[in-house]
Amino acid sequence: MTAILRAIVGRVVDALRDLTPIVLVIAFFQIVVLQQPFPNLGDTLVGLVCVLLGLALFIHGLESGLFPLGEAIAQAFTRKSSLVALLSFAFCLGFGTTVAEPALIAIAAKAAEVVALAGHIENDVSVRDAYALNLRLVVAASVGTAVVIGVIRILKGWPIHVMIISGYLIVTALTFFSPPEIIGIAYDSGGVTTSTITVPLLTALGVGLATSIKGRNPMLDGFGLIAFACLAPIIFILAYNMVA
């Protein structure tokens, strides 16, 4: 228990160091440039403490729990030598982590609201909710597919730069034929998928898989799943809205 508390205190100190520049910038512009007092200073301080503790606990949880778990699962699947099971797990992991991303939930709801106001769908609560859910499912399916492709790349040793360049060529081509209103949403969807839940698990999966496969370098082959997870939603959303 003492070791855990010591580790958490260390994370709090690290988080404080990381947040200090942001706090100083905001305080400088609020006090010196705008020359205005902080609105709801008490709530701001409480929120800052919550962010500090939350960030410290989150980082500690990643390093002590999620990273080892993801690597252990990847290595276990490799030892079983079941490609179907490994790819199924990769898809489910990408789908499950993405559909639960808070950032994706927020942007899907906002996208549904904007699309309804633009007159592309009926401005009704149930219709907006259905549109937001479909958007989340499409993005989640795209990330699941991207993780499968990334795992196959690690297994086969394919060059990542060729695959990423090819993907962005597809994105560029689809952009010219997509409805202008959806292009921004599609591009943002690629960013919000790689957030607090998805990134640590996919990184652990890639590194664990590359570590357990003979001839693979974890530094060269273990990373890259996040790049696919950023790229695939753009392609899927553009294609989905062209069809829809």
Protein backbone atom coordinates (compact mmCIF):
# COMPACT_ATOMS: atom_id res chain seq x y z
CA MET A 1 0.00 0.00 0.00
CA THR A 2 2.84 2.38 0.83
CA ALA A 3 4.41 1.78 -2.57
CA ILE A 4 1.10 2.52 -4.28
CA LEU A 5 0.62 5.77 -2.35
CA ARG A 6 4.19 6.78 -3.11
CA ALA A 7 3.60 6.13 -6.81
CA ILE A 8 0.35 8.11 -6.82
CA VAL A 9 2.01 11.05 -5.04
CA GLY A 10 4.72 10.97 -7.70
CA ARG A 11 2.03 11.04 -10.41
CA VAL A 12 0.38 14.02 -8.72
CA VAL A 13 3.68 15.89 -8.73
CA ASP A 14 4.19 15.05 -12.41
CA ALA A 15 0.64 16.15 -13.25
CA LEU A 16 1.15 19.41 -11.36
CA ARG A 17 4.31 20.05 -13.36
CA ASP A 18 2.49 19.35 -16.62
CA LEU A 19 -0.52 21.55 -15.77
CA THR A 20 1.48 24.50 -14.44
CA PRO A 21 2.24 26.07 -17.87
CA ILE A 22 -1.44 25.93 -18.84
CA VAL A 23 -2.51 27.52 -15.55
CA LEU A 24 0.11 30.27 -15.88
CA VAL A 25 -0.95 31.11 -19.44
CA ILE A 26 -4.63 31.34 -18.49
CA ALA A 27 -3.87 33.38 -15.37
CA PHE A 28 -1.60 35.77 -17.31
CA PHE A 29 -4.17 36.56 -19.98
CA GLN A 30 -7.04 36.76 -17.50
CA ILE A 31 -5.26 39.07 -15.05
CA VAL A 32 -2.72 41.01 -17.14
CA VAL A 33 -4.24 41.15 -20.64
CA LEU A 34 -7.99 41.08 -19.97
CA GLN A 35 -7.59 42.61 -16.49
CA GLN A 36 -10.62 40.79 -15.17
CA PRO A 37 -11.11 38.62 -12.08
CA PHE A 38 -11.68 34.91 -12.47
CA PRO A 39 -15.38 34.08 -12.69
CA ASN A 40 -16.39 31.58 -10.01
CA LEU A 41 -12.86 31.36 -8.63
CA GLY A 42 -13.84 28.77 -6.03
CA ASP A 43 -15.36 26.44 -8.64
CA THR A 44 -12.32 26.97 -10.87
CA LEU A 45 -9.94 25.95 -8.09
CA VAL A 46 -12.02 22.89 -7.21
CA GLY A 47 -12.13 21.90 -10.88
CA LEU A 48 -8.36 22.37 -11.17
CA VAL A 49 -7.78 20.06 -8.20
CA CYS A 50 -10.12 17.46 -9.72
CA VAL A 51 -8.26 17.64 -13.03
CA LEU A 52 -4.93 17.29 -11.23
CA LEU A 53 -6.00 14.24 -9.24
CA GLY A 54 -7.85 12.72 -12.18
CA LEU A 55 -4.88 13.03 -14.49
CA ALA A 56 -2.53 11.54 -11.90
CA LEU A 57 -4.84 8.57 -11.20
CA PHE A 58 -5.47 8.05 -14.91
CA ILE A 59 -1.76 7.86 -15.76
CA HIS A 60 -1.13 5.53 -12.83
CA GLY A 61 -4.02 3.32 -13.92
CA LEU A 62 -2.67 3.11 -17.45
CA GLU A 63 0.80 2.06 -16.40
CA SER A 64 -0.25 -0.36 -13.66
CA GLY A 65 -3.35 -1.85 -15.28
CA LEU A 66 -4.31 -1.23 -18.89
CA PHE A 67 -0.87 -1.40 -20.53
CA PRO A 68 0.14 -4.71 -18.87
CA LEU A 69 -3.32 -6.16 -19.53
CA GLY A 70 -3.28 -5.28 -23.22
CA GLU A 71 0.22 -6.67 -23.71
CA ALA A 72 -0.61 -9.87 -21.84
CA ILE A 73 -3.74 -10.49 -23.93
CA ALA A 74 -1.84 -9.91 -27.19
CA GLN A 75 0.91 -12.31 -26.16
CA ALA A 76 -1.64 -14.92 -25.07
CA PHE A 77 -3.38 -14.81 -28.45
CA THR A 78 -0.02 -15.16 -30.20
CA ARG A 79 0.84 -18.26 -28.17
CA LYS A 80 -2.49 -19.83 -29.10
CA SER A 81 -1.64 -19.28 -32.80
CA SER A 82 -5.29 -18.61 -33.67
CA LEU A 83 -5.45 -15.91 -36.34
CA VAL A 84 -9.25 -15.84 -36.38
CA ALA A 85 -9.43 -15.34 -32.62
CA LEU A 86 -6.76 -12.64 -32.69
CA LEU A 87 -8.44 -10.67 -35.49
CA SER A 88 -11.86 -11.06 -33.85
CA PHE A 89 -10.47 -9.74 -30.60
CA ALA A 90 -8.77 -6.86 -32.44
CA PHE A 91 -12.04 -5.82 -34.10
CA CYS A 92 -14.05 -6.10 -30.88
CA LEU A 93 -11.42 -4.14 -28.96
CA GLY A 94 -11.41 -1.32 -31.51
CA PHE A 95 -15.21 -1.28 -31.73
CA GLY A 96 -15.84 -1.47 -27.99
CA THR A 97 -13.32 1.15 -26.93
CA THR A 98 -14.44 3.60 -29.61
CA VAL A 99 -18.18 3.38 -29.09
CA ALA A 100 -17.58 4.24 -25.41
CA GLU A 101 -15.32 7.24 -26.09
CA PRO A 102 -16.75 10.32 -24.31
CA ALA A 103 -15.33 12.65 -26.98
CA LEU A 104 -17.06 10.68 -29.76
CA ILE A 105 -20.36 10.72 -27.87
CA ALA A 106 -20.12 14.49 -27.55
CA ILE A 107 -19.22 15.21 -31.16
CA ALA A 108 -21.85 12.78 -32.48
CA ALA A 109 -24.56 14.58 -30.50
CA LYS A 110 -23.35 17.97 -31.70
CA ALA A 111 -23.13 16.74 -35.30
CA ALA A 112 -26.71 15.48 -35.14
CA GLU A 113 -27.84 18.85 -33.82
CA VAL A 114 -26.07 20.77 -36.58
CA VAL A 115 -27.27 18.43 -39.33
CA ALA A 116 -30.84 18.81 -38.06
CA LEU A 117 -30.59 22.60 -38.00
CA ALA A 118 -29.26 22.50 -41.57
CA GLY A 119 -32.40 20.61 -42.61
CA HIS A 120 -30.74 17.36 -43.66
CA ILE A 121 -32.63 15.34 -41.05
CA GLU A 122 -35.83 16.00 -39.12
CA ASN A 123 -35.26 18.23 -36.11
CA ASP A 124 -36.71 15.77 -33.65
CA VAL A 125 -35.07 14.36 -30.53
CA SER A 126 -35.50 10.72 -31.57
CA VAL A 127 -34.21 11.39 -35.09
CA ARG A 128 -31.18 13.27 -33.78
CA ASP A 129 -30.44 10.50 -31.28
CA ALA A 130 -30.69 7.87 -34.02
CA TYR A 131 -28.35 9.87 -36.28
CA ALA A 132 -25.83 10.31 -33.45
CA LEU A 133 -25.97 6.59 -32.62
CA ASN A 134 -25.49 5.59 -36.26
CA LEU A 135 -22.55 7.97 -36.50
CA ARG A 136 -20.94 6.42 -33.42
CA LEU A 137 -21.51 2.88 -34.73
CA VAL A 138 -19.98 3.72 -38.10
CA VAL A 139 -16.93 5.26 -36.44
CA ALA A 140 -16.62 2.31 -34.05
CA ALA A 141 -16.85 -0.17 -36.94
CA SER A 142 -14.20 1.79 -38.82
CA VAL A 143 -11.81 1.69 -35.87
CA GLY A 144 -12.42 -2.03 -35.42
CA THR A 145 -11.58 -2.56 -39.09
CA ALA A 146 -8.52 -0.34 -38.76
CA VAL A 147 -7.22 -2.35 -35.81
CA VAL A 148 -7.65 -5.57 -37.79
CA ILE A 149 -5.66 -4.06 -40.68
CA GLY A 150 -3.02 -2.83 -38.24
CA VAL A 151 -2.68 -6.26 -36.64
CA ILE A 152 -2.31 -7.90 -40.06
CA ARG A 153 0.37 -5.32 -40.88
CA ILE A 154 2.30 -6.30 -37.76
CA LEU A 155 1.97 -10.00 -38.57
CA LYS A 156 3.03 -9.55 -42.19
CA GLY A 157 5.59 -6.80 -41.65
CA TRP A 158 4.05 -4.49 -44.25
CA PRO A 159 5.51 -0.94 -44.43
CA ILE A 160 3.26 1.44 -42.55
CA HIS A 161 4.10 4.54 -44.60
CA VAL A 162 2.80 2.98 -47.82
CA MET A 163 -0.50 2.04 -46.17
CA ILE A 164 -0.98 5.44 -44.52
CA ILE A 165 -0.21 7.35 -47.73
CA SER A 166 -2.61 5.12 -49.64
CA GLY A 167 -5.29 5.75 -47.02
CA TYR A 168 -4.97 9.51 -47.26
CA LEU A 169 -5.13 9.32 -51.06
CA ILE A 170 -8.49 7.58 -50.60
CA VAL A 171 -9.56 10.30 -48.15
CA THR A 172 -8.61 13.01 -50.65
CA ALA A 173 -10.57 11.32 -53.43
CA LEU A 174 -13.66 10.82 -51.25
CA THR A 175 -13.54 14.44 -50.09
CA PHE A 176 -14.22 15.71 -53.61
CA PHE A 177 -17.41 13.64 -53.89
CA SER A 178 -18.76 14.00 -50.34
CA PRO A 179 -21.44 16.45 -49.15
CA PRO A 180 -19.64 19.61 -47.98
CA GLU A 181 -21.58 19.65 -44.70
CA ILE A 182 -20.16 16.31 -43.57
CA ILE A 183 -16.49 16.78 -44.47
CA GLY A 184 -15.59 18.63 -41.28
CA ILE A 185 -17.45 16.10 -39.12
CA ALA A 186 -15.64 13.23 -40.86
CA TYR A 187 -12.23 14.76 -40.32
CA ASP A 188 -12.98 15.52 -36.66
CA SER A 189 -14.24 11.97 -36.14
CA GLY A 190 -10.77 10.71 -36.96
CA GLY A 191 -9.34 12.72 -34.09
CA VAL A 192 -11.88 12.13 -31.35
CA THR A 193 -11.69 8.35 -31.69
CA THR A 194 -8.13 8.29 -30.35
CA SER A 195 -8.76 9.47 -26.84
CA THR A 196 -8.57 8.30 -23.24
CA ILE A 197 -9.96 4.78 -23.68
CA THR A 198 -8.80 3.78 -27.15
CA VAL A 199 -5.18 4.93 -27.18
CA PRO A 200 -3.77 2.98 -24.21
CA LEU A 201 -5.41 -0.32 -25.11
CA LEU A 202 -4.51 -0.17 -28.81
CA THR A 203 -0.94 0.84 -28.00
CA ALA A 204 -0.61 -2.04 -25.54
CA LEU A 205 -2.06 -4.45 -28.10
CA GLY A 206 0.38 -3.38 -30.81
CA VAL A 207 3.45 -3.41 -28.58
CA GLY A 208 2.50 -6.72 -26.98
CA LEU A 209 1.89 -8.32 -30.35
CA ALA A 210 5.17 -7.09 -31.84
CA THR A 211 7.05 -8.20 -28.72
CA SER A 212 5.72 -11.75 -28.89
CA ILE A 213 6.34 -12.31 -32.62
CA LYS A 214 9.81 -13.42 -33.61
CA GLY A 215 11.50 -11.03 -36.00
CA ARG A 216 9.33 -8.03 -35.08
CA ASN A 217 10.74 -4.91 -33.44
CA PRO A 218 8.33 -3.41 -30.87
CA MET A 219 9.68 0.06 -31.65
CA LEU A 220 9.25 -0.27 -35.40
CA ASP A 221 6.25 -2.60 -35.64
CA GLY A 222 4.49 -2.16 -32.29
CA PHE A 223 3.26 1.35 -32.96
CA GLY A 224 0.99 2.52 -35.76
CA LEU A 225 -2.40 1.19 -34.74
CA ILE A 226 -3.40 4.67 -33.60
CA ALA A 227 -2.60 6.08 -37.03
CA PHE A 228 -4.97 3.58 -38.64
CA ALA A 229 -7.59 4.36 -36.00
CA CYS A 230 -7.36 8.06 -36.91
CA LEU A 231 -7.55 7.46 -40.65
CA ALA A 232 -10.29 4.85 -40.98
CA PRO A 233 -13.16 6.91 -39.47
CA ILE A 234 -12.62 9.66 -42.05
CA ILE A 235 -12.98 7.15 -44.90
CA PHE A 236 -15.98 5.42 -43.34
CA ILE A 237 -17.88 8.62 -42.48
CA LEU A 238 -17.33 10.14 -45.93
CA ALA A 239 -18.43 6.92 -47.64
CA TYR A 240 -21.38 6.44 -45.25
CA ASN A 241 -22.80 9.89 -45.90
CA MET A 242 -22.30 9.56 -49.65
CA VAL A 243 -24.44 6.43 -49.54
CA ALA A 244 -26.93 7.74 -46.97
